[in-house]
N, C-alpha and C. Protein backbone atom coordinates (compact mmCIF):
# COMPACT_ATOMS: atom_id res chain seq x y z
N MET A 1 -9.76 -21.90 8.10
CA MET A 1 -10.86 -20.97 7.95
C MET A 1 -10.80 -20.36 6.55
N ILE A 2 -11.94 -20.20 5.94
CA ILE A 2 -12.06 -19.52 4.65
C ILE A 2 -12.91 -18.27 4.87
N ARG A 3 -12.44 -17.18 4.30
CA ARG A 3 -13.15 -15.91 4.45
C ARG A 3 -13.51 -15.40 3.05
N LYS A 4 -14.70 -14.90 2.90
CA LYS A 4 -15.11 -14.28 1.65
C LYS A 4 -14.51 -12.88 1.57
N ALA A 5 -14.15 -12.49 0.37
CA ALA A 5 -13.54 -11.18 0.15
C ALA A 5 -14.54 -10.06 0.45
N THR A 6 -14.06 -9.05 1.14
CA THR A 6 -14.82 -7.82 1.32
C THR A 6 -13.91 -6.68 0.89
N ILE A 7 -14.49 -5.72 0.21
CA ILE A 7 -13.70 -4.61 -0.31
C ILE A 7 -14.23 -3.32 0.32
N GLN A 8 -13.30 -2.56 0.90
CA GLN A 8 -13.62 -1.29 1.56
C GLN A 8 -13.25 -0.15 0.61
N GLU A 9 -14.18 0.74 0.34
CA GLU A 9 -13.91 1.92 -0.47
C GLU A 9 -13.40 3.03 0.45
N VAL A 10 -12.24 3.58 0.13
CA VAL A 10 -11.62 4.61 0.97
C VAL A 10 -11.37 5.86 0.13
N ASP A 11 -11.89 6.99 0.59
CA ASP A 11 -11.61 8.27 -0.06
C ASP A 11 -10.31 8.83 0.50
N GLY A 12 -9.38 9.19 -0.38
CA GLY A 12 -8.15 9.86 0.04
C GLY A 12 -7.26 9.00 0.94
N LEU A 13 -6.94 7.80 0.52
CA LEU A 13 -6.11 6.89 1.32
C LEU A 13 -4.78 7.55 1.67
N ALA A 14 -4.48 7.64 2.96
CA ALA A 14 -3.26 8.28 3.48
C ALA A 14 -3.10 9.69 2.93
N GLY A 15 -4.21 10.39 2.73
CA GLY A 15 -4.16 11.76 2.23
C GLY A 15 -4.05 11.85 0.71
N GLY A 16 -4.24 10.75 0.03
CA GLY A 16 -4.13 10.73 -1.43
C GLY A 16 -5.36 11.29 -2.12
N LYS A 17 -5.35 11.20 -3.46
CA LYS A 17 -6.45 11.69 -4.29
C LYS A 17 -7.39 10.54 -4.64
N GLY A 18 -8.67 10.86 -4.77
CA GLY A 18 -9.64 9.91 -5.29
C GLY A 18 -9.92 8.75 -4.36
N LYS A 19 -10.50 7.71 -4.96
CA LYS A 19 -10.90 6.52 -4.21
C LYS A 19 -9.85 5.42 -4.35
N ALA A 20 -9.75 4.62 -3.30
CA ALA A 20 -8.95 3.40 -3.32
C ALA A 20 -9.87 2.29 -2.82
N TYR A 21 -9.67 1.10 -3.33
CA TYR A 21 -10.47 -0.05 -2.90
C TYR A 21 -9.54 -1.04 -2.21
N VAL A 22 -9.79 -1.27 -0.92
CA VAL A 22 -8.90 -2.06 -0.07
C VAL A 22 -9.58 -3.39 0.26
N GLN A 23 -8.92 -4.47 -0.16
CA GLN A 23 -9.40 -5.82 0.16
C GLN A 23 -8.44 -6.41 1.19
N HIS A 24 -8.86 -6.43 2.45
CA HIS A 24 -8.00 -6.93 3.52
C HIS A 24 -7.83 -8.44 3.36
N ILE A 25 -6.58 -8.88 3.32
CA ILE A 25 -6.27 -10.31 3.21
C ILE A 25 -6.23 -10.93 4.59
N ILE A 26 -5.52 -10.26 5.49
CA ILE A 26 -5.45 -10.66 6.91
C ILE A 26 -5.68 -9.39 7.73
N SER A 27 -6.47 -9.50 8.78
CA SER A 27 -6.75 -8.34 9.62
C SER A 27 -5.56 -8.02 10.52
N LYS A 28 -5.56 -6.81 11.05
CA LYS A 28 -4.52 -6.41 12.02
C LYS A 28 -4.49 -7.38 13.19
N GLU A 29 -5.65 -7.79 13.68
CA GLU A 29 -5.73 -8.71 14.83
C GLU A 29 -5.11 -10.07 14.48
N GLU A 30 -5.30 -10.53 13.26
CA GLU A 30 -4.74 -11.82 12.84
C GLU A 30 -3.23 -11.77 12.65
N MET A 31 -2.65 -10.57 12.58
CA MET A 31 -1.20 -10.43 12.44
C MET A 31 -0.50 -10.50 13.80
N LEU A 32 -1.27 -10.63 14.87
CA LEU A 32 -0.76 -10.90 16.23
C LEU A 32 0.30 -9.90 16.69
N GLY A 33 0.09 -8.63 16.37
CA GLY A 33 1.00 -7.59 16.82
C GLY A 33 2.23 -7.39 15.96
N HIS A 34 2.39 -8.20 14.91
CA HIS A 34 3.58 -8.12 14.06
C HIS A 34 3.39 -7.22 12.85
N GLY A 35 2.18 -6.78 12.61
CA GLY A 35 1.88 -5.92 11.47
C GLY A 35 0.52 -5.30 11.63
N ARG A 36 0.16 -4.45 10.64
CA ARG A 36 -1.15 -3.82 10.74
C ARG A 36 -1.91 -3.78 9.43
N LEU A 37 -1.30 -4.23 8.33
CA LEU A 37 -2.03 -4.27 7.07
C LEU A 37 -1.42 -5.31 6.15
N TYR A 38 -2.29 -6.13 5.58
CA TYR A 38 -1.93 -7.04 4.50
C TYR A 38 -3.14 -7.03 3.59
N ALA A 39 -3.04 -6.33 2.44
CA ALA A 39 -4.22 -6.08 1.63
C ALA A 39 -3.87 -5.96 0.15
N LYS A 40 -4.87 -6.24 -0.68
CA LYS A 40 -4.80 -5.93 -2.11
C LYS A 40 -5.50 -4.60 -2.28
N ILE A 41 -4.82 -3.66 -2.92
CA ILE A 41 -5.37 -2.32 -3.09
C ILE A 41 -5.51 -2.03 -4.58
N THR A 42 -6.67 -1.49 -4.95
CA THR A 42 -6.92 -1.08 -6.32
C THR A 42 -7.03 0.44 -6.37
N LEU A 43 -6.23 1.04 -7.26
CA LEU A 43 -6.29 2.49 -7.49
C LEU A 43 -6.82 2.72 -8.90
N PRO A 44 -8.00 3.32 -9.04
CA PRO A 44 -8.50 3.68 -10.37
C PRO A 44 -7.63 4.81 -10.95
N PRO A 45 -7.74 5.05 -12.25
CA PRO A 45 -7.00 6.17 -12.85
C PRO A 45 -7.27 7.48 -12.11
N GLY A 46 -6.20 8.25 -11.87
CA GLY A 46 -6.31 9.53 -11.17
C GLY A 46 -6.27 9.45 -9.66
N SER A 47 -6.23 8.23 -9.11
CA SER A 47 -6.20 8.05 -7.65
C SER A 47 -4.77 7.84 -7.16
N SER A 48 -4.59 8.04 -5.86
CA SER A 48 -3.25 7.86 -5.29
C SER A 48 -3.35 7.48 -3.81
N VAL A 49 -2.24 6.95 -3.31
CA VAL A 49 -2.00 6.81 -1.87
C VAL A 49 -1.10 7.99 -1.54
N GLY A 50 -1.49 8.81 -0.59
CA GLY A 50 -0.76 10.04 -0.28
C GLY A 50 0.62 9.83 0.31
N TRP A 51 1.39 10.90 0.31
CA TRP A 51 2.74 10.95 0.86
C TRP A 51 2.65 10.72 2.37
N HIS A 52 3.28 9.67 2.87
CA HIS A 52 3.21 9.37 4.31
C HIS A 52 4.49 8.66 4.74
N GLN A 53 4.71 8.64 6.06
CA GLN A 53 5.94 8.10 6.64
C GLN A 53 5.65 6.82 7.43
N HIS A 54 6.65 5.95 7.47
CA HIS A 54 6.60 4.74 8.29
C HIS A 54 7.66 4.87 9.37
N GLU A 55 7.23 5.08 10.62
CA GLU A 55 8.17 5.32 11.72
C GLU A 55 8.70 4.06 12.37
N HIS A 56 7.84 3.09 12.64
CA HIS A 56 8.27 1.86 13.30
C HIS A 56 7.94 0.63 12.47
N ASP A 57 7.68 0.85 11.19
CA ASP A 57 7.33 -0.28 10.34
C ASP A 57 7.77 -0.02 8.91
N THR A 58 7.56 -1.00 8.07
CA THR A 58 7.91 -0.92 6.66
C THR A 58 6.73 -1.40 5.84
N GLU A 59 6.71 -1.04 4.55
CA GLU A 59 5.56 -1.39 3.72
C GLU A 59 5.99 -1.63 2.28
N PRO A 60 6.31 -2.86 1.94
CA PRO A 60 6.56 -3.13 0.53
C PRO A 60 5.25 -3.16 -0.26
N TYR A 61 5.31 -2.70 -1.51
CA TYR A 61 4.20 -2.81 -2.45
C TYR A 61 4.63 -3.79 -3.53
N PHE A 62 3.80 -4.78 -3.83
CA PHE A 62 4.05 -5.69 -4.93
C PHE A 62 2.98 -5.43 -5.99
N ILE A 63 3.41 -4.97 -7.15
CA ILE A 63 2.48 -4.56 -8.20
C ILE A 63 1.95 -5.79 -8.94
N LEU A 64 0.62 -5.88 -9.01
CA LEU A 64 -0.04 -7.02 -9.67
C LEU A 64 -0.52 -6.69 -11.08
N LYS A 65 -1.06 -5.48 -11.27
CA LYS A 65 -1.73 -5.14 -12.53
C LYS A 65 -1.64 -3.64 -12.76
N GLY A 66 -1.53 -3.23 -14.01
CA GLY A 66 -1.55 -1.82 -14.36
C GLY A 66 -0.20 -1.15 -14.14
N ALA A 67 -0.22 0.16 -14.15
CA ALA A 67 0.98 0.96 -13.97
C ALA A 67 0.70 2.09 -12.99
N ALA A 68 1.77 2.57 -12.35
CA ALA A 68 1.65 3.70 -11.42
C ALA A 68 3.01 4.38 -11.30
N ASP A 69 3.00 5.57 -10.74
CA ASP A 69 4.23 6.30 -10.45
C ASP A 69 4.49 6.19 -8.96
N PHE A 70 5.59 5.52 -8.60
CA PHE A 70 5.99 5.37 -7.21
C PHE A 70 6.89 6.54 -6.85
N VAL A 71 6.55 7.24 -5.77
CA VAL A 71 7.36 8.37 -5.29
C VAL A 71 8.11 7.89 -4.06
N ASP A 72 9.43 7.79 -4.20
CA ASP A 72 10.29 7.24 -3.16
C ASP A 72 10.65 8.32 -2.13
N ASN A 73 11.33 7.90 -1.07
CA ASN A 73 11.70 8.77 0.05
C ASN A 73 12.44 10.03 -0.41
N ASP A 74 13.28 9.90 -1.44
CA ASP A 74 14.04 11.06 -1.94
C ASP A 74 13.25 11.87 -2.96
N LYS A 75 11.96 11.55 -3.10
CA LYS A 75 11.01 12.20 -4.01
C LYS A 75 11.27 11.88 -5.48
N SER A 76 12.14 10.91 -5.75
CA SER A 76 12.30 10.45 -7.13
C SER A 76 11.03 9.69 -7.52
N VAL A 77 10.69 9.75 -8.80
CA VAL A 77 9.48 9.11 -9.32
C VAL A 77 9.88 8.04 -10.31
N THR A 78 9.34 6.82 -10.11
CA THR A 78 9.64 5.70 -10.99
C THR A 78 8.33 5.05 -11.42
N LYS A 79 8.17 4.86 -12.73
CA LYS A 79 6.99 4.14 -13.22
C LYS A 79 7.16 2.66 -12.88
N VAL A 80 6.13 2.06 -12.27
CA VAL A 80 6.18 0.66 -11.88
C VAL A 80 5.02 -0.10 -12.53
N GLY A 81 5.23 -1.43 -12.67
CA GLY A 81 4.22 -2.27 -13.27
C GLY A 81 4.27 -3.67 -12.70
N PRO A 82 3.49 -4.60 -13.26
CA PRO A 82 3.40 -5.96 -12.72
C PRO A 82 4.75 -6.61 -12.49
N GLY A 83 4.91 -7.18 -11.28
CA GLY A 83 6.15 -7.85 -10.89
C GLY A 83 7.13 -6.96 -10.16
N ASP A 84 6.93 -5.64 -10.19
CA ASP A 84 7.82 -4.74 -9.46
C ASP A 84 7.47 -4.74 -7.98
N CYS A 85 8.49 -4.58 -7.13
CA CYS A 85 8.30 -4.48 -5.69
C CYS A 85 8.92 -3.17 -5.22
N CYS A 86 8.11 -2.30 -4.63
CA CYS A 86 8.57 -1.02 -4.09
C CYS A 86 8.88 -1.24 -2.61
N LEU A 87 10.12 -0.98 -2.22
CA LEU A 87 10.54 -1.21 -0.84
C LEU A 87 10.62 0.11 -0.08
N ILE A 88 9.97 0.15 1.06
CA ILE A 88 9.98 1.33 1.92
C ILE A 88 10.62 0.92 3.23
N GLU A 89 11.71 1.56 3.58
CA GLU A 89 12.42 1.20 4.82
C GLU A 89 11.84 1.96 6.01
N VAL A 90 12.12 1.46 7.20
CA VAL A 90 11.66 2.09 8.43
C VAL A 90 12.12 3.55 8.44
N GLY A 91 11.19 4.45 8.75
CA GLY A 91 11.49 5.88 8.83
C GLY A 91 11.31 6.63 7.53
N GLN A 92 11.08 5.92 6.42
CA GLN A 92 10.98 6.59 5.13
C GLN A 92 9.55 7.04 4.80
N PHE A 93 9.48 7.99 3.89
CA PHE A 93 8.23 8.47 3.31
C PHE A 93 8.06 7.85 1.93
N HIS A 94 6.81 7.84 1.44
CA HIS A 94 6.55 7.38 0.07
C HIS A 94 5.10 7.68 -0.31
N SER A 95 4.81 7.54 -1.59
CA SER A 95 3.43 7.57 -2.10
C SER A 95 3.41 6.83 -3.43
N ILE A 96 2.21 6.59 -3.94
CA ILE A 96 2.06 5.95 -5.25
C ILE A 96 0.84 6.56 -5.92
N GLU A 97 0.97 6.85 -7.24
CA GLU A 97 -0.06 7.57 -7.98
C GLU A 97 -0.39 6.82 -9.26
N ASN A 98 -1.68 6.62 -9.51
CA ASN A 98 -2.10 6.03 -10.78
C ASN A 98 -2.40 7.17 -11.75
N ASN A 99 -1.42 7.49 -12.58
CA ASN A 99 -1.57 8.55 -13.58
C ASN A 99 -1.83 7.98 -14.96
N TYR A 100 -2.38 6.78 -15.02
CA TYR A 100 -2.54 6.06 -16.28
C TYR A 100 -4.02 5.74 -16.53
N ASP A 101 -4.33 5.03 -17.61
CA ASP A 101 -5.71 4.87 -18.08
C ASP A 101 -6.43 3.63 -17.59
N GLU A 102 -5.80 2.79 -16.80
CA GLU A 102 -6.48 1.59 -16.31
C GLU A 102 -6.25 1.43 -14.81
N ASP A 103 -7.11 0.63 -14.18
CA ASP A 103 -6.93 0.36 -12.75
C ASP A 103 -5.56 -0.23 -12.49
N MET A 104 -5.01 0.07 -11.34
CA MET A 104 -3.74 -0.48 -10.89
C MET A 104 -3.99 -1.24 -9.60
N GLU A 105 -3.43 -2.44 -9.48
CA GLU A 105 -3.61 -3.27 -8.29
C GLU A 105 -2.26 -3.64 -7.71
N PHE A 106 -2.19 -3.62 -6.38
CA PHE A 106 -0.96 -4.03 -5.71
C PHE A 106 -1.27 -4.62 -4.35
N ILE A 107 -0.33 -5.41 -3.85
CA ILE A 107 -0.39 -5.96 -2.50
C ILE A 107 0.45 -5.06 -1.61
N ALA A 108 -0.11 -4.67 -0.47
CA ALA A 108 0.61 -3.87 0.52
C ALA A 108 0.68 -4.67 1.82
N LEU A 109 1.87 -4.70 2.41
CA LEU A 109 2.07 -5.39 3.68
C LEU A 109 2.80 -4.44 4.61
N ILE A 110 2.14 -4.03 5.70
CA ILE A 110 2.80 -3.18 6.69
C ILE A 110 3.14 -4.07 7.88
N TYR A 111 4.44 -4.21 8.14
CA TYR A 111 4.87 -5.01 9.29
C TYR A 111 5.91 -4.24 10.08
N ASN A 112 6.03 -4.59 11.37
CA ASN A 112 6.82 -3.80 12.30
C ASN A 112 8.31 -4.09 12.21
N GLU A 113 9.07 -3.10 12.68
CA GLU A 113 10.51 -3.30 12.78
C GLU A 113 10.79 -4.26 13.93
N LYS A 114 11.95 -4.86 13.92
CA LYS A 114 12.34 -5.83 14.95
C LYS A 114 12.16 -5.26 16.35
N GLY A 115 11.46 -6.00 17.19
CA GLY A 115 11.29 -5.61 18.58
C GLY A 115 10.11 -4.72 18.87
N PHE A 116 9.44 -4.21 17.84
CA PHE A 116 8.30 -3.31 18.03
C PHE A 116 7.03 -4.10 17.76
N LEU A 117 6.11 -4.11 18.71
CA LEU A 117 4.82 -4.80 18.52
C LEU A 117 3.70 -3.78 18.59
N TYR A 118 2.70 -3.95 17.72
CA TYR A 118 1.51 -3.10 17.76
C TYR A 118 0.63 -3.55 18.92
N GLU A 119 -0.08 -2.62 19.49
CA GLU A 119 -0.99 -2.96 20.58
C GLU A 119 -2.41 -2.94 20.08
């Protein structure tokens, strides 16, 4: 099956600032209970994904384009760019902020911890 790209505009993603553009790669239903998000996300300058926790799942970010400040579970801030992978472990908090002058793009994959299935 081939699917045409659709992009969803989201205000304040996970409580963040500004707009985010979410292009779902695979739907939650297509992940068959093993995850709930596989998407390319674009954050324009000044936008962010808010501080949030992953209780029964994890969410790596793979940076494709631009730069952003990744805020890790211990609240340390690291500038990230293309090729970097931000790892969020089960139970951890995190956020990411585009404090730079160009759009930032990344792949986000939220998948469940061993033994936990989404309904």
